[in-house]
PDB file of all heavy atoms in Angstrom:
ATOM      1  N   GLN A   1      -1.120  -8.662   7.193  1.00  0.00           N
ATOM      2  CA  GLN A   1      -0.605  -9.983   7.368  1.00  0.00           C
ATOM      3  C   GLN A   1      -1.854 -10.984   7.572  1.00  0.00           C
ATOM      4  O   GLN A   1      -2.744 -10.718   8.500  1.00  0.00           O
ATOM      5  CB  GLN A   1       0.254 -10.063   8.562  1.00  0.00           C
ATOM      6  CG  GLN A   1       0.930 -11.394   8.877  1.00  0.00           C
ATOM      7  CD  GLN A   1       2.066 -11.317   9.901  1.00  0.00           C
ATOM      8  OE1 GLN A   1       2.006 -10.517  10.804  1.00  0.00           O
ATOM      9  NE2 GLN A   1       2.988 -12.208   9.641  1.00  0.00           N
ATOM     10  N   ALA A   2      -1.976 -11.908   6.720  1.00  0.00           N
ATOM     11  CA  ALA A   2      -2.991 -12.887   6.809  1.00  0.00           C
ATOM     12  C   ALA A   2      -2.408 -14.183   7.588  1.00  0.00           C
ATOM     13  O   ALA A   2      -1.175 -14.365   7.713  1.00  0.00           O
ATOM     14  CB  ALA A   2      -3.481 -13.327   5.486  1.00  0.00           C
ATOM     15  N   PRO A   3      -3.290 -14.987   8.192  1.00  0.00           N
ATOM     16  CA  PRO A   3      -2.811 -16.155   8.968  1.00  0.00           C
ATOM     17  C   PRO A   3      -2.092 -17.054   8.120  1.00  0.00           C
ATOM     18  O   PRO A   3      -2.343 -17.393   6.958  1.00  0.00           O
ATOM     19  CB  PRO A   3      -4.166 -16.864   9.338  1.00  0.00           C
ATOM     20  CG  PRO A   3      -5.111 -15.737   9.374  1.00  0.00           C
ATOM     21  CD  PRO A   3      -4.743 -14.814   8.229  1.00  0.00           C
ATOM     22  N   GLY A   4      -0.826 -17.471   8.573  1.00  0.00           N
ATOM     23  CA  GLY A   4       0.096 -18.321   7.924  1.00  0.00           C
ATOM     24  C   GLY A   4       0.808 -17.654   6.710  1.00  0.00           C
ATOM     25  O   GLY A   4       1.474 -18.306   6.074  1.00  0.00           O
ATOM     26  N   LYS A   5       0.755 -16.362   6.545  1.00  0.00           N
ATOM     27  CA  LYS A   5       1.500 -15.629   5.660  1.00  0.00           C
ATOM     28  C   LYS A   5       2.392 -14.591   6.133  1.00  0.00           C
ATOM     29  O   LYS A   5       2.128 -14.130   7.253  1.00  0.00           O
ATOM     30  CB  LYS A   5       0.515 -14.964   4.572  1.00  0.00           C
ATOM     31  CG  LYS A   5      -0.334 -16.054   3.804  1.00  0.00           C
ATOM     32  CD  LYS A   5      -1.291 -15.277   2.827  1.00  0.00           C
ATOM     33  CE  LYS A   5      -0.450 -14.642   1.829  1.00  0.00           C
ATOM     34  NZ  LYS A   5      -1.402 -14.014   0.639  1.00  0.00           N
ATOM     35  N   GLU A   6       3.447 -14.208   5.464  1.00  0.00           N
ATOM     36  CA  GLU A   6       4.322 -13.166   5.917  1.00  0.00           C
ATOM     37  C   GLU A   6       3.657 -11.752   5.737  1.00  0.00           C
ATOM     38  O   GLU A   6       2.732 -11.622   4.846  1.00  0.00           O
ATOM     39  CB  GLU A   6       5.562 -13.255   5.314  1.00  0.00           C
ATOM     40  CG  GLU A   6       5.646 -13.012   3.821  1.00  0.00           C
ATOM     41  CD  GLU A   6       7.038 -13.125   3.161  1.00  0.00           C
ATOM     42  OE1 GLU A   6       7.777 -13.796   3.774  1.00  0.00           O
ATOM     43  OE2 GLU A   6       7.236 -12.722   2.036  1.00  0.00           O
ATOM     44  N   ARG A   7       4.052 -10.687   6.461  1.00  0.00           N
ATOM     45  CA  ARG A   7       3.590  -9.497   6.297  1.00  0.00           C
ATOM     46  C   ARG A   7       3.833  -8.909   4.957  1.00  0.00           C
ATOM     47  O   ARG A   7       5.055  -9.045   4.429  1.00  0.00           O
ATOM     48  CB  ARG A   7       4.154  -8.555   7.380  1.00  0.00           C
ATOM     49  CG  ARG A   7       3.602  -7.119   7.414  1.00  0.00           C
ATOM     50  CD  ARG A   7       4.267  -6.346   8.612  1.00  0.00           C
ATOM     51  NE  ARG A   7       5.644  -6.217   8.473  1.00  0.00           N
ATOM     52  CZ  ARG A   7       6.545  -5.857   9.342  1.00  0.00           C
ATOM     53  NH1 ARG A   7       6.118  -5.626  10.588  1.00  0.00           N
ATOM     54  NH2 ARG A   7       7.776  -5.726   9.040  1.00  0.00           N
ATOM     55  N   GLU A   8       3.002  -8.194   4.242  1.00  0.00           N
ATOM     56  CA  GLU A   8       3.227  -7.544   2.990  1.00  0.00           C
ATOM     57  C   GLU A   8       2.830  -6.100   2.973  1.00  0.00           C
ATOM     58  O   GLU A   8       1.851  -5.713   3.747  1.00  0.00           O
ATOM     59  CB  GLU A   8       2.420  -8.317   1.923  1.00  0.00           C
ATOM     60  CG  GLU A   8       0.914  -8.295   2.048  1.00  0.00           C
ATOM     61  CD  GLU A   8       0.308  -8.984   0.974  1.00  0.00           C
ATOM     62  OE1 GLU A   8       0.832  -9.198  -0.105  1.00  0.00           O
ATOM     63  OE2 GLU A   8      -0.919  -9.283   1.060  1.00  0.00           O
ATOM     64  N   SER A   9       3.444  -5.349   2.194  1.00  0.00           N
ATOM     65  CA  SER A   9       3.117  -3.916   2.084  1.00  0.00           C
ATOM     66  C   SER A   9       1.921  -3.789   1.194  1.00  0.00           C
ATOM     67  O   SER A   9       1.704  -4.545   0.302  1.00  0.00           O
ATOM     68  CB  SER A   9       4.429  -3.149   1.490  1.00  0.00           C
ATOM     69  OG  SER A   9       4.759  -3.659   0.164  1.00  0.00           O
ATOM     70  N   VAL A  10       1.126  -2.848   1.477  1.00  0.00           N
ATOM     71  CA  VAL A  10      -0.027  -2.529   0.762  1.00  0.00           C
ATOM     72  C   VAL A  10      -0.135  -1.214   0.050  1.00  0.00           C
ATOM     73  O   VAL A  10      -0.390  -1.128  -1.168  1.00  0.00           O
ATOM     74  CB  VAL A  10      -1.259  -2.587   1.778  1.00  0.00           C
ATOM     75  CG1 VAL A  10      -2.641  -2.261   0.913  1.00  0.00           C
ATOM     76  CG2 VAL A  10      -1.445  -3.946   2.391  1.00  0.00           C
ATOM     77  N   ALA A  11       0.197  -0.106   0.799  1.00  0.00           N
ATOM     78  CA  ALA A  11       0.241   1.212   0.233  1.00  0.00           C
ATOM     79  C   ALA A  11       1.031   2.111   1.032  1.00  0.00           C
ATOM     80  O   ALA A  11       1.117   1.895   2.259  1.00  0.00           O
ATOM     81  CB  ALA A  11      -1.234   1.697   0.073  1.00  0.00           C
ATOM     82  N   ILE A  12       1.757   3.135   0.391  1.00  0.00           N
ATOM     83  CA  ILE A  12       2.587   3.957   1.090  1.00  0.00           C
ATOM     84  C   ILE A  12       2.454   5.318   0.477  1.00  0.00           C
ATOM     85  O   ILE A  12       2.314   5.564  -0.778  1.00  0.00           O
ATOM     86  CB  ILE A  12       4.085   3.553   0.980  1.00  0.00           C
ATOM     87  CG1 ILE A  12       4.202   2.186   1.580  1.00  0.00           C
ATOM     88  CG2 ILE A  12       5.002   4.606   1.701  1.00  0.00           C
ATOM     89  CD1 ILE A  12       5.630   1.512   1.261  1.00  0.00           C
ATOM     90  N   ILE A  13       2.466   6.368   1.310  1.00  0.00           N
ATOM     91  CA  ILE A  13       2.402   7.691   0.844  1.00  0.00           C
ATOM     92  C   ILE A  13       3.653   8.409   1.429  1.00  0.00           C
ATOM     93  O   ILE A  13       3.824   8.418   2.597  1.00  0.00           O
ATOM     94  CB  ILE A  13       1.112   8.417   1.220  1.00  0.00           C
ATOM     95  CG1 ILE A  13       1.149   9.894   0.589  1.00  0.00           C
ATOM     96  CG2 ILE A  13       0.887   8.534   2.726  1.00  0.00           C
ATOM     97  CD1 ILE A  13      -0.303  10.482   0.517  1.00  0.00           C
ATOM     98  N   LYS A  14       4.483   9.154   0.561  1.00  0.00           N
ATOM     99  CA  LYS A  14       5.646   9.832   1.010  1.00  0.00           C
ATOM    100  C   LYS A  14       5.287  11.034   1.912  1.00  0.00           C
ATOM    101  O   LYS A  14       4.222  11.644   1.675  1.00  0.00           O
ATOM    102  CB  LYS A  14       6.438  10.297  -0.138  1.00  0.00           C
ATOM    103  CG  LYS A  14       7.825  10.867   0.103  1.00  0.00           C
ATOM    104  CD  LYS A  14       8.672  10.930  -1.152  1.00  0.00           C
ATOM    105  CE  LYS A  14      10.035  11.523  -0.957  1.00  0.00           C
ATOM    106  NZ  LYS A  14       9.957  13.019  -0.754  1.00  0.00           N
ATOM    107  N   TRP A  15       6.132  11.482   2.751  1.00  0.00           N
ATOM    108  CA  TRP A  15       5.860  12.517   3.749  1.00  0.00           C
ATOM    109  C   TRP A  15       5.361  13.855   3.089  1.00  0.00           C
ATOM    110  O   TRP A  15       4.549  14.464   3.689  1.00  0.00           O
ATOM    111  CB  TRP A  15       7.085  12.752   4.564  1.00  0.00           C
ATOM    112  CG  TRP A  15       8.326  13.289   3.850  1.00  0.00           C
ATOM    113  CD1 TRP A  15       9.286  12.631   3.173  1.00  0.00           C
ATOM    114  CD2 TRP A  15       8.567  14.700   3.601  1.00  0.00           C
ATOM    115  NE1 TRP A  15      10.155  13.393   2.530  1.00  0.00           N
ATOM    116  CE2 TRP A  15       9.759  14.692   2.801  1.00  0.00           C
ATOM    117  CE3 TRP A  15       8.079  15.906   3.865  1.00  0.00           C
ATOM    118  CZ2 TRP A  15      10.380  15.901   2.352  1.00  0.00           C
ATOM    119  CZ3 TRP A  15       8.584  17.016   3.534  1.00  0.00           C
ATOM    120  CH2 TRP A  15       9.776  17.058   2.770  1.00  0.00           C
ATOM    121  N   ASP A  16       5.854  14.028   2.008  1.00  0.00           N
ATOM    122  CA  ASP A  16       5.471  15.361   1.250  1.00  0.00           C
ATOM    123  C   ASP A  16       4.347  15.116   0.200  1.00  0.00           C
ATOM    124  O   ASP A  16       3.919  16.046  -0.471  1.00  0.00           O
ATOM    125  CB  ASP A  16       6.807  16.072   0.508  1.00  0.00           C
ATOM    126  CG  ASP A  16       7.368  15.148  -0.571  1.00  0.00           C
ATOM    127  OD1 ASP A  16       6.898  14.051  -0.735  1.00  0.00           O
ATOM    128  OD2 ASP A  16       8.397  15.428  -1.015  1.00  0.00           O
ATOM    129  N   GLY A  17       3.869  13.864   0.082  1.00  0.00           N
ATOM    130  CA  GLY A  17       2.805  13.529  -0.848  1.00  0.00           C
ATOM    131  C   GLY A  17       3.184  13.450  -2.284  1.00  0.00           C
ATOM    132  O   GLY A  17       2.288  13.278  -3.079  1.00  0.00           O
ATOM    133  N   GLU A  18       4.525  13.515  -2.556  1.00  0.00           N
ATOM    134  CA  GLU A  18       4.911  13.510  -3.922  1.00  0.00           C
ATOM    135  C   GLU A  18       4.908  12.199  -4.667  1.00  0.00           C
ATOM    136  O   GLU A  18       4.890  12.169  -5.893  1.00  0.00           O
ATOM    137  CB  GLU A  18       6.395  14.170  -4.055  1.00  0.00           C
ATOM    138  CG  GLU A  18       6.453  15.708  -3.743  1.00  0.00           C
ATOM    139  CD  GLU A  18       5.699  16.459  -4.849  1.00  0.00           C
ATOM    140  OE1 GLU A  18       5.860  16.169  -6.045  1.00  0.00           O
ATOM    141  OE2 GLU A  18       4.964  17.401  -4.439  1.00  0.00           O
ATOM    142  N   SER A  19       4.884  11.173  -3.875  1.00  0.00           N
ATOM    143  CA  SER A  19       4.784   9.839  -4.532  1.00  0.00           C
ATOM    144  C   SER A  19       4.097   8.866  -3.645  1.00  0.00           C
ATOM    145  O   SER A  19       3.967   9.096  -2.481  1.00  0.00           O
ATOM    146  CB  SER A  19       6.257   9.301  -4.876  1.00  0.00           C
ATOM    147  OG  SER A  19       7.038   9.164  -3.596  1.00  0.00           O
ATOM    148  N   GLN A  20       3.521   7.853  -4.233  1.00  0.00           N
ATOM    149  CA  GLN A  20       2.850   6.750  -3.589  1.00  0.00           C
ATOM    150  C   GLN A  20       3.244   5.403  -4.146  1.00  0.00           C
ATOM    151  O   GLN A  20       3.819   5.266  -5.196  1.00  0.00           O
ATOM    152  CB  GLN A  20       1.334   6.904  -3.818  1.00  0.00           C
ATOM    153  CG  GLN A  20       0.702   8.248  -3.152  1.00  0.00           C
ATOM    154  CD  GLN A  20      -0.671   8.360  -3.410  1.00  0.00           C
ATOM    155  OE1 GLN A  20      -1.416   7.475  -4.032  1.00  0.00           O
ATOM    156  NE2 GLN A  20      -1.326   9.378  -2.980  1.00  0.00           N
ATOM    157  N   TYR A  21       3.080   4.419  -3.272  1.00  0.00           N
ATOM    158  CA  TYR A  21       3.350   2.997  -3.632  1.00  0.00           C
ATOM    159  C   TYR A  21       2.096   2.117  -3.375  1.00  0.00           C
ATOM    160  O   TYR A  21       1.448   2.329  -2.346  1.00  0.00           O
ATOM    161  CB  TYR A  21       4.509   2.408  -2.802  1.00  0.00           C
ATOM    162  CG  TYR A  21       4.535   1.005  -2.809  1.00  0.00           C
ATOM    163  CD1 TYR A  21       5.233   0.309  -3.769  1.00  0.00           C
ATOM    164  CD2 TYR A  21       3.843   0.318  -1.766  1.00  0.00           C
ATOM    165  CE1 TYR A  21       5.374  -1.090  -3.721  1.00  0.00           C
ATOM    166  CE2 TYR A  21       3.895  -1.110  -1.734  1.00  0.00           C
ATOM    167  CZ  TYR A  21       4.593  -1.875  -2.717  1.00  0.00           C
ATOM    168  OH  TYR A  21       4.735  -3.254  -2.694  1.00  0.00           O
ATOM    169  N   TYR A  22       1.759   1.294  -4.291  1.00  0.00           N
ATOM    170  CA  TYR A  22       0.741   0.271  -4.170  1.00  0.00           C
ATOM    171  C   TYR A  22       1.146  -1.101  -4.512  1.00  0.00           C
ATOM    172  O   TYR A  22       1.896  -1.198  -5.550  1.00  0.00           O
ATOM    173  CB  TYR A  22      -0.520   0.768  -4.932  1.00  0.00           C
ATOM    174  CG  TYR A  22      -1.140   1.928  -4.452  1.00  0.00           C
ATOM    175  CD1 TYR A  22      -0.910   3.187  -5.080  1.00  0.00           C
ATOM    176  CD2 TYR A  22      -2.070   1.887  -3.414  1.00  0.00           C
ATOM    177  CE1 TYR A  22      -1.626   4.292  -4.711  1.00  0.00           C
ATOM    178  CE2 TYR A  22      -2.806   3.059  -3.059  1.00  0.00           C
ATOM    179  CZ  TYR A  22      -2.551   4.286  -3.640  1.00  0.00           C
ATOM    180  OH  TYR A  22      -3.122   5.435  -3.321  1.00  0.00           O
ATOM    181  N   ALA A  23       0.815  -2.000  -3.711  1.00  0.00           N
ATOM    182  CA  ALA A  23       1.096  -3.453  -4.228  1.00  0.00           C
ATOM    183  C   ALA A  23       0.209  -3.677  -5.327  1.00  0.00           C
ATOM    184  O   ALA A  23      -0.915  -3.158  -5.597  1.00  0.00           O
ATOM    185  CB  ALA A  23       0.612  -4.377  -2.948  1.00  0.00           C
ATOM    186  N   ASP A  24       0.674  -4.602  -6.216  1.00  0.00           N
ATOM    187  CA  ASP A  24       0.035  -4.934  -7.513  1.00  0.00           C
ATOM    188  C   ASP A  24      -1.285  -5.464  -7.259  1.00  0.00           C
ATOM    189  O   ASP A  24      -2.346  -5.215  -8.007  1.00  0.00           O
ATOM    190  CB  ASP A  24       0.827  -5.820  -8.290  1.00  0.00           C
ATOM    191  CG  ASP A  24       2.017  -5.262  -8.990  1.00  0.00           C
ATOM    192  OD1 ASP A  24       2.191  -4.084  -9.080  1.00  0.00           O
ATOM    193  OD2 ASP A  24       3.007  -6.072  -9.358  1.00  0.00           O
ATOM    194  N   SER A  25      -1.487  -6.136  -6.147  1.00  0.00           N
ATOM    195  CA  SER A  25      -2.704  -6.857  -5.792  1.00  0.00           C
ATOM    196  C   SER A  25      -3.797  -5.870  -5.469  1.00  0.00           C
ATOM    197  O   SER A  25      -5.001  -6.301  -5.432  1.00  0.00           O
ATOM    198  CB  SER A  25      -2.514  -7.847  -4.663  1.00  0.00           C
ATOM    199  OG  SER A  25      -2.052  -7.194  -3.584  1.00  0.00           O
ATOM    200  N   VAL A  26      -3.527  -4.592  -5.110  1.00  0.00           N
ATOM    201  CA  VAL A  26      -4.535  -3.633  -4.696  1.00  0.00           C
ATOM    202  C   VAL A  26      -4.731  -2.360  -5.589  1.00  0.00           C
ATOM    203  O   VAL A  26      -5.527  -1.629  -5.371  1.00  0.00           O
ATOM    204  CB  VAL A  26      -4.233  -3.197  -3.307  1.00  0.00           C
ATOM    205  CG1 VAL A  26      -4.127  -4.399  -2.337  1.00  0.00           C
ATOM    206  CG2 VAL A  26      -3.126  -2.355  -3.093  1.00  0.00           C
ATOM    207  N   LYS A  27      -3.721  -2.344  -6.596  1.00  0.00           N
ATOM    208  CA  LYS A  27      -3.847  -1.195  -7.575  1.00  0.00           C
ATOM    209  C   LYS A  27      -5.194  -1.109  -8.277  1.00  0.00           C
ATOM    210  O   LYS A  27      -5.762  -2.021  -8.733  1.00  0.00           O
ATOM    211  CB  LYS A  27      -2.797  -1.314  -8.470  1.00  0.00           C
ATOM    212  CG  LYS A  27      -1.318  -1.055  -8.116  1.00  0.00           C
ATOM    213  CD  LYS A  27      -0.361  -1.197  -9.245  1.00  0.00           C
ATOM    214  CE  LYS A  27       1.040  -0.895  -8.674  1.00  0.00           C
ATOM    215  NZ  LYS A  27       2.101  -1.024  -9.809  1.00  0.00           N
ATOM    216  N   GLY A  28      -5.720   0.138  -8.220  1.00  0.00           N
ATOM    217  CA  GLY A  28      -7.056   0.427  -8.804  1.00  0.00           C
ATOM    218  C   GLY A  28      -8.212   0.090  -7.801  1.00  0.00           C
ATOM    219  O   GLY A  28      -9.340   0.531  -8.111  1.00  0.00           O
ATOM    220  N   ARG A  29      -7.851  -0.542  -6.630  1.00  0.00           N
ATOM    221  CA  ARG A  29      -8.945  -0.789  -5.627  1.00  0.00           C
ATOM    222  C   ARG A  29      -8.706  -0.048  -4.386  1.00  0.00           C
ATOM    223  O   ARG A  29      -9.717   0.476  -3.772  1.00  0.00           O
ATOM    224  CB  ARG A  29      -9.030  -2.274  -5.321  1.00  0.00           C
ATOM    225  CG  ARG A  29      -9.412  -3.141  -6.521  1.00  0.00           C
ATOM    226  CD  ARG A  29      -9.628  -4.580  -6.078  1.00  0.00           C
ATOM    227  NE  ARG A  29      -8.406  -5.143  -5.456  1.00  0.00           N
ATOM    228  CZ  ARG A  29      -8.376  -5.705  -4.310  1.00  0.00           C
ATOM    229  NH1 ARG A  29      -9.488  -5.577  -3.477  1.00  0.00           N
ATOM    230  NH2 ARG A  29      -7.336  -6.202  -3.807  1.00  0.00           N
ATOM    231  N   PHE A  30      -7.455   0.215  -3.909  1.00  0.00           N
ATOM    232  CA  PHE A  30      -7.192   0.782  -2.628  1.00  0.00           C
ATOM    233  C   PHE A  30      -6.557   2.215  -2.941  1.00  0.00           C
ATOM    234  O   PHE A  30      -5.849   2.424  -3.928  1.00  0.00           O
ATOM    235  CB  PHE A  30      -6.171  -0.031  -1.901  1.00  0.00           C
ATOM    236  CG  PHE A  30      -6.762  -1.203  -1.286  1.00  0.00           C
ATOM    237  CD1 PHE A  30      -7.897  -1.772  -1.673  1.00  0.00           C
ATOM    238  CD2 PHE A  30      -5.912  -1.948  -0.431  1.00  0.00           C
ATOM    239  CE1 PHE A  30      -8.366  -2.929  -1.156  1.00  0.00           C
ATOM    240  CE2 PHE A  30      -6.376  -3.094   0.241  1.00  0.00           C
ATOM    241  CZ  PHE A  30      -7.599  -3.631  -0.193  1.00  0.00           C
ATOM    242  N   THR A  31      -6.775   3.175  -1.990  1.00  0.00           N
ATOM    243  CA  THR A  31      -6.224   4.515  -2.149  1.00  0.00           C
ATOM    244  C   THR A  31      -5.714   4.967  -0.851  1.00  0.00           C
ATOM    245  O   THR A  31      -6.507   4.851   0.140  1.00  0.00           O
ATOM    246  CB  THR A  31      -7.249   5.508  -2.559  1.00  0.00           C
ATOM    247  OG1 THR A  31      -7.775   5.109  -3.893  1.00  0.00           O
ATOM    248  CG2 THR A  31      -6.567   6.965  -2.850  1.00  0.00           C
ATOM    249  N   ILE A  32      -4.432   5.403  -0.688  1.00  0.00           N
ATOM    250  CA  ILE A  32      -3.844   6.001   0.499  1.00  0.00           C
ATOM    251  C   ILE A  32      -3.976   7.430   0.501  1.00  0.00           C
ATOM    252  O   ILE A  32      -3.684   8.074  -0.628  1.00  0.00           O
ATOM    253  CB  ILE A  32      -2.481   5.390   0.847  1.00  0.00           C
ATOM    254  CG1 ILE A  32      -2.029   5.835   2.179  1.00  0.00           C
ATOM    255  CG2 ILE A  32      -1.536   5.982  -0.375  1.00  0.00           C
ATOM    256  CD1 ILE A  32      -0.674   5.178   2.606  1.00  0.00           C
ATOM    257  N   SER A  33      -4.221   8.117   1.522  1.00  0.00           N
ATOM    258  CA  SER A  33      -4.325   9.564   1.636  1.00  0.00           C
ATOM    259  C   SER A  33      -4.047   9.939   3.167  1.00  0.00           C
ATOM    260  O   SER A  33      -4.090   9.122   4.034  1.00  0.00           O
ATOM    261  CB  SER A  33      -5.644  10.120   1.220  1.00  0.00           C
ATOM    262  OG  SER A  33      -6.701   9.620   2.006  1.00  0.00           O
ATOM    263  N   LYS A  34      -3.806  11.202   3.342  1.00  0.00           N
ATOM    264  CA  LYS A  34      -3.526  11.734   4.615  1.00  0.00           C
ATOM    265  C   LYS A  34      -4.240  13.118   4.840  1.00  0.00           C
ATOM    266  O   LYS A  34      -4.249  13.875   3.923  1.00  0.00           O
ATOM    267  CB  LYS A  34      -2.115  11.753   4.994  1.00  0.00           C
ATOM    268  CG  LYS A  34      -1.168  12.641   4.170  1.00  0.00           C
ATOM    269  CD  LYS A  34       0.258  12.690   4.692  1.00  0.00           C
ATOM    270  CE  LYS A  34       1.042  13.607   4.057  1.00  0.00           C
ATOM    271  NZ  LYS A  34       2.457  13.658   4.630  1.00  0.00           N
TER     272      LYS A  34
END
């Protein structure tokens, strides 16, 4: 969440690691892992 903006999702990893989600704005730059 940036000042003056609403909260947005960035990246998600499913509990079993089978799928991930990335916002279009961060694809190719950010990586989620656990």
